[in-house]
Amino acid sequence: MSSTYETLLYEPEGHVLVITLNRPEKLNAWNGRMETEFLDALDAASADGAIRAIVVTGAGRAFCAGGDIGAWSQDLSSNSRRQASPLLARDGSPDVPIALARSKPVIAAINGHAVGIGLTVTLACDMRIASERAQFSARFVKVGLTPECGSTRYLPLVAGMGNALFMALTGRIIDAREAKERGIVDRVVPHDSLLPEAMALADEIAANPPAAVWLAKRLIHENANESDLRRVVTGEGFAIREARRQPDHAEAVQAFVEKRSPKFGG
């Protein structure tokens, strides 16, 4: 992990890591540098045994207002494709949803505008808590593009087909209340309570046995679109056998017998 990042803050707090998108002067617009650093931060958290959950939020008044269109303009006017940003060169951000699916549990604390990739990053997180000030838009169609970063999977999975099509085909900006009604976020909270609420949820997850948490997350991600029930239950059987071999399972059983709180070591 880089000790300092240019576009985000990496702040461990106990067993929880807070990643803050940190280009407030640009409304945290996503660019190649931010993507590289975001992926590096997720890798660092995965390698850190002390980190058990992650909160992602934004600095200033936006979560992420979309891709850095100013950088796109420079890329499009360039005569050399080799000078294009990593985002254009790789046709979007394919690594981001994959990294989030493989990471420790991630909670999006959406403090303001979540537009374009700013919306799709939150959809690839495991849970979404929004400030009452947050606004959302799958804005791609407004700039002549199509949804990316896994959003054509996650948007219908999270919000349903009708809401996914509404967001993708209109490009409309909606407020936090409507986002909750459409299933895009799980909860809406007062702005000043956003980070405390997200941290409390992350702490609750982090208090559970890390191996069991990871296995449960992996199973749900793998099985959400699996049509073969036998594959589902076979995978569950493998995972529970693996979980039974973990020291934390033995500790949970012993603590239950001794009528005390378990102490999970991870």
Protein backbone atom coordinates (compact mmCIF):
# COMPACT_ATOMS: atom_id res chain seq x y z
CA MET A 1 0.00 0.00 0.00
CA SER A 2 1.19 3.50 -0.76
CA SER A 3 1.63 5.48 2.47
CA THR A 4 -0.09 8.44 0.85
CA TYR A 5 -2.53 8.62 -2.04
CA GLU A 6 -3.19 11.59 -4.30
CA THR A 7 -6.91 10.99 -4.80
CA LEU A 8 -8.14 9.21 -1.68
CA LEU A 9 -7.62 8.87 2.07
CA TYR A 10 -6.83 5.49 3.65
CA GLU A 11 -7.76 5.59 7.33
CA PRO A 12 -7.95 2.41 9.46
CA GLU A 13 -10.06 2.78 12.60
CA GLY A 14 -9.84 -0.37 14.68
CA HIS A 15 -11.02 -3.26 12.50
CA VAL A 16 -12.67 -0.89 9.98
CA LEU A 17 -10.97 0.87 7.07
CA VAL A 18 -12.42 4.15 5.83
CA ILE A 19 -11.59 4.93 2.19
CA THR A 20 -12.51 8.51 1.28
CA LEU A 21 -12.56 9.61 -2.35
CA ASN A 22 -10.63 12.84 -2.04
CA ARG A 23 -10.89 15.20 -5.01
CA PRO A 24 -13.46 17.55 -3.46
CA GLU A 25 -12.56 20.43 -5.78
CA LYS A 26 -13.65 18.14 -8.68
CA LEU A 27 -16.62 16.62 -6.78
CA ASN A 28 -14.48 13.47 -6.53
CA ALA A 29 -14.69 12.90 -10.29
CA TRP A 30 -13.26 9.49 -11.15
CA ASN A 31 -10.07 9.34 -13.18
CA GLY A 32 -7.33 6.82 -13.94
CA ARG A 33 -5.28 7.78 -10.89
CA MET A 34 -8.27 7.37 -8.55
CA GLU A 35 -9.06 3.97 -10.02
CA THR A 36 -5.48 2.74 -9.63
CA GLU A 37 -5.32 3.97 -6.05
CA PHE A 38 -8.77 2.59 -5.17
CA LEU A 39 -7.78 -0.88 -6.40
CA ASP A 40 -4.49 -0.64 -4.51
CA ALA A 41 -6.34 0.32 -1.31
CA LEU A 42 -8.67 -2.69 -1.62
CA ASP A 43 -5.65 -4.95 -2.13
CA ALA A 44 -3.95 -3.47 0.93
CA ALA A 45 -7.06 -4.01 3.04
CA SER A 46 -7.30 -7.62 1.89
CA ALA A 47 -3.71 -8.24 2.97
CA ASP A 48 -4.20 -6.59 6.38
CA GLY A 49 -5.50 -9.12 8.90
CA ALA A 50 -6.60 -6.34 11.24
CA ILE A 51 -9.10 -4.96 8.71
CA ARG A 52 -12.45 -6.77 8.73
CA ALA A 53 -14.79 -4.29 7.03
CA ILE A 54 -14.51 -1.24 4.76
CA VAL A 55 -16.48 2.01 4.51
CA VAL A 56 -16.23 4.03 1.28
CA THR A 57 -17.33 7.67 1.27
CA GLY A 58 -16.51 10.98 -0.41
CA ALA A 59 -14.86 14.22 0.72
CA GLY A 60 -16.83 17.44 0.44
CA ARG A 61 -20.33 17.65 -1.00
CA ALA A 62 -20.20 14.73 -3.44
CA PHE A 63 -19.60 11.00 -3.20
CA CYS A 64 -18.44 10.89 -6.82
CA ALA A 65 -19.96 13.05 -9.55
CA GLY A 66 -18.95 10.65 -12.34
CA GLY A 67 -16.00 10.33 -14.67
CA ASP A 68 -13.63 13.24 -15.10
CA ILE A 69 -15.07 14.64 -18.34
CA GLY A 70 -12.30 17.22 -18.55
CA ALA A 71 -9.79 14.38 -18.87
CA TRP A 72 -12.03 12.69 -21.47
CA SER A 73 -11.95 15.85 -23.57
CA GLN A 74 -8.17 15.86 -23.58
CA ASP A 75 -8.09 12.16 -24.50
CA LEU A 76 -10.56 12.55 -27.36
CA SER A 77 -8.62 15.47 -28.86
CA SER A 78 -5.35 13.55 -28.72
CA ASN A 79 -3.93 12.17 -31.95
CA SER A 80 -2.33 9.21 -30.18
CA ARG A 81 -4.44 6.47 -28.62
CA ARG A 82 -1.45 5.62 -26.44
CA GLN A 83 -1.94 8.91 -24.62
CA ALA A 84 -5.51 8.02 -23.62
CA SER A 85 -6.39 7.57 -19.95
CA PRO A 86 -6.53 4.03 -18.51
CA LEU A 87 -10.34 4.32 -18.36
CA LEU A 88 -10.71 4.94 -22.11
CA ALA A 89 -7.94 2.53 -23.03
CA ARG A 90 -9.67 -0.28 -21.13
CA ASP A 91 -13.25 0.61 -22.10
CA GLY A 92 -14.49 1.49 -18.62
CA SER A 93 -13.58 0.13 -15.22
CA PRO A 94 -13.81 -3.67 -15.36
CA ASP A 95 -11.52 -4.28 -12.40
CA VAL A 96 -13.53 -2.21 -9.91
CA PRO A 97 -16.64 -4.42 -9.48
CA ILE A 98 -14.49 -7.56 -9.49
CA ALA A 99 -12.23 -6.16 -6.76
CA LEU A 100 -15.22 -5.09 -4.67
CA ALA A 101 -16.84 -8.54 -5.03
CA ARG A 102 -13.64 -10.19 -3.80
CA SER A 103 -12.89 -7.72 -1.02
CA LYS A 104 -13.81 -7.73 2.63
CA PRO A 105 -17.36 -6.41 3.24
CA VAL A 106 -17.79 -2.89 1.86
CA ILE A 107 -20.38 -0.32 2.96
CA ALA A 108 -20.96 2.74 0.76
CA ALA A 109 -21.64 5.85 2.85
CA ILE A 110 -23.06 8.09 0.15
CA ASN A 111 -22.66 11.68 1.28
CA GLY A 112 -23.70 13.55 -1.87
CA HIS A 113 -23.93 13.18 -5.66
CA ALA A 114 -23.39 9.61 -6.89
CA VAL A 115 -23.48 9.92 -10.67
CA GLY A 116 -22.35 7.60 -13.47
CA ILE A 117 -19.46 5.54 -12.15
CA GLY A 118 -20.13 7.22 -8.80
CA LEU A 119 -23.44 5.33 -8.74
CA THR A 120 -22.10 2.07 -10.11
CA VAL A 121 -19.30 1.87 -7.53
CA THR A 122 -21.94 2.04 -4.78
CA LEU A 123 -23.98 -0.71 -6.47
CA ALA A 124 -20.94 -3.01 -6.39
CA CYS A 125 -20.56 -2.41 -2.65
CA ASP A 126 -22.30 -4.83 -0.30
CA MET A 127 -24.52 -2.28 1.47
CA ARG A 128 -25.51 1.33 0.81
CA ILE A 129 -26.38 4.03 3.36
CA ALA A 130 -27.25 7.46 1.95
CA SER A 131 -27.29 10.93 3.40
CA GLU A 132 -30.57 12.78 3.01
CA ARG A 133 -28.58 15.14 0.75
CA ALA A 134 -27.44 12.41 -1.66
CA GLN A 135 -28.51 12.36 -5.29
CA PHE A 136 -28.20 9.57 -7.83
CA SER A 137 -28.05 9.21 -11.61
CA ALA A 138 -26.99 6.58 -14.15
CA ARG A 139 -25.96 9.50 -16.32
CA PHE A 140 -24.24 7.56 -19.09
CA VAL A 141 -26.97 8.03 -21.69
CA LYS A 142 -26.73 11.81 -21.28
CA VAL A 143 -23.17 11.75 -22.59
CA GLY A 144 -23.81 9.17 -25.30
CA LEU A 145 -22.41 6.21 -23.38
CA THR A 146 -23.72 2.95 -21.95
CA PRO A 147 -23.60 1.77 -18.31
CA GLU A 148 -20.37 0.10 -17.19
CA CYS A 149 -18.43 -1.00 -14.10
CA GLY A 150 -20.81 -3.94 -13.66
CA SER A 151 -23.91 -1.76 -13.37
CA THR A 152 -25.93 -3.72 -15.95
CA ARG A 153 -25.64 -6.64 -13.53
CA TYR A 154 -25.87 -4.87 -10.20
CA LEU A 155 -28.56 -2.28 -10.97
CA PRO A 156 -31.27 -4.85 -11.82
CA LEU A 157 -30.00 -7.14 -9.05
CA VAL A 158 -30.23 -4.37 -6.46
CA ALA A 159 -33.22 -2.35 -7.70
CA GLY A 160 -35.13 -4.68 -10.06
CA MET A 161 -35.45 -4.65 -13.85
CA GLY A 162 -37.97 -1.81 -14.10
CA ASN A 163 -35.95 0.55 -11.91
CA ALA A 164 -32.73 -0.42 -13.68
CA LEU A 165 -34.23 0.45 -17.05
CA PHE A 166 -35.71 3.69 -15.70
CA MET A 167 -32.33 4.84 -14.39
CA ALA A 168 -30.37 3.73 -17.46
CA LEU A 169 -32.75 5.02 -20.14
CA THR A 170 -33.70 8.38 -18.61
CA GLY A 171 -30.41 9.41 -17.02
CA ARG A 172 -32.59 11.29 -14.53
CA ILE A 173 -31.15 12.61 -11.26
CA ILE A 174 -33.16 11.35 -8.27
CA ASP A 175 -32.96 12.27 -4.58
CA ALA A 176 -32.18 9.97 -1.67
CA ARG A 177 -35.85 9.38 -0.81
CA GLU A 178 -36.64 8.16 -4.33
CA ALA A 179 -33.45 6.10 -4.39
CA LYS A 180 -34.64 4.33 -1.25
CA GLU A 181 -38.09 3.76 -2.79
CA ARG A 182 -36.48 2.28 -5.90
CA GLY A 183 -34.24 -0.02 -3.84
CA ILE A 184 -30.99 1.64 -4.89
CA VAL A 185 -30.00 2.32 -1.27
CA ASP A 186 -30.79 0.38 1.88
CA ARG A 187 -31.20 3.32 4.27
CA VAL A 188 -31.40 7.12 4.25
CA VAL A 189 -30.11 8.93 7.34
CA PRO A 190 -29.59 12.55 8.42
CA HIS A 191 -26.45 13.95 6.82
CA ASP A 192 -24.55 14.40 10.09
CA SER A 193 -25.33 10.80 11.08
CA LEU A 194 -24.08 9.22 7.87
CA LEU A 195 -20.53 8.24 8.84
CA PRO A 196 -21.43 7.22 12.42
CA GLU A 197 -24.22 4.99 11.08
CA ALA A 198 -21.92 3.42 8.48
CA MET A 199 -19.18 2.88 11.05
CA ALA A 200 -21.60 1.28 13.49
CA LEU A 201 -22.72 -1.17 10.82
CA ALA A 202 -19.11 -1.90 9.83
CA ASP A 203 -18.18 -2.48 13.48
CA GLU A 204 -21.11 -4.90 13.84
CA ILE A 205 -19.86 -6.89 10.84
CA ALA A 206 -16.23 -6.70 12.02
CA ALA A 207 -17.22 -8.22 15.39
CA ASN A 208 -18.18 -11.48 13.66
CA PRO A 209 -15.73 -14.28 12.73
CA PRO A 210 -13.82 -12.98 9.66
CA ALA A 211 -13.68 -16.32 7.86
CA ALA A 212 -17.41 -16.91 8.22
CA VAL A 213 -18.15 -13.36 7.06
CA TRP A 214 -15.99 -13.79 3.96
CA LEU A 215 -17.45 -17.20 3.11
CA ALA A 216 -20.99 -15.83 3.44
CA LYS A 217 -20.19 -12.86 1.19
CA ARG A 218 -18.55 -15.09 -1.40
CA LEU A 219 -21.50 -17.48 -1.48
CA ILE A 220 -24.08 -14.72 -1.93
CA HIS A 221 -22.10 -13.07 -4.73
CA GLU A 222 -21.55 -16.38 -6.51
CA ASN A 223 -25.10 -17.69 -6.07
CA ALA A 224 -27.16 -14.54 -6.69
CA ASN A 225 -27.61 -15.40 -10.37
CA GLU A 226 -26.98 -19.16 -10.22
CA SER A 227 -29.92 -21.04 -11.73
CA ASP A 228 -28.67 -24.51 -10.80
CA LEU A 229 -29.87 -25.18 -7.23
CA ARG A 230 -27.57 -28.18 -6.90
CA ARG A 231 -24.56 -25.95 -7.54
CA VAL A 232 -25.85 -23.56 -4.87
CA VAL A 233 -26.31 -26.16 -2.14
CA THR A 234 -23.06 -27.95 -3.07
CA GLY A 235 -21.15 -24.70 -2.67
CA GLU A 236 -22.89 -24.01 0.62
CA GLY A 237 -21.96 -27.49 1.87
CA PHE A 238 -18.30 -26.95 0.98
CA ALA A 239 -18.29 -23.56 2.72
CA ILE A 240 -19.90 -24.77 5.93
CA ARG A 241 -17.44 -27.67 6.17
CA GLU A 242 -14.64 -25.15 5.77
CA ALA A 243 -16.18 -22.90 8.43
CA ARG A 244 -16.47 -25.77 10.91
CA ARG A 245 -12.70 -26.24 10.72
CA GLN A 246 -12.02 -22.64 11.74
CA PRO A 247 -10.96 -21.83 15.34
CA ASP A 248 -13.64 -19.14 15.55
CA HIS A 249 -16.39 -21.75 15.18
CA ALA A 250 -14.99 -23.72 18.11
CA GLU A 251 -14.73 -20.49 20.11
CA ALA A 252 -18.37 -19.60 19.36
CA VAL A 253 -19.56 -23.03 20.51
CA GLN A 254 -17.42 -22.92 23.66
CA ALA A 255 -18.59 -19.40 24.49
CA PHE A 256 -22.22 -20.51 24.11
CA VAL A 257 -21.66 -23.44 26.49
CA GLU A 258 -19.88 -21.17 28.99
CA LYS A 259 -22.51 -18.42 28.64
CA ARG A 260 -20.00 -15.70 27.73
CA SER A 261 -19.26 -13.45 24.76
CA PRO A 262 -16.99 -15.09 22.17
CA LYS A 263 -13.55 -13.68 21.40
CA PHE A 264 -12.88 -14.11 17.71
CA GLY A 265 -9.27 -14.07 16.61
CA GLY A 266 -9.76 -14.25 12.86
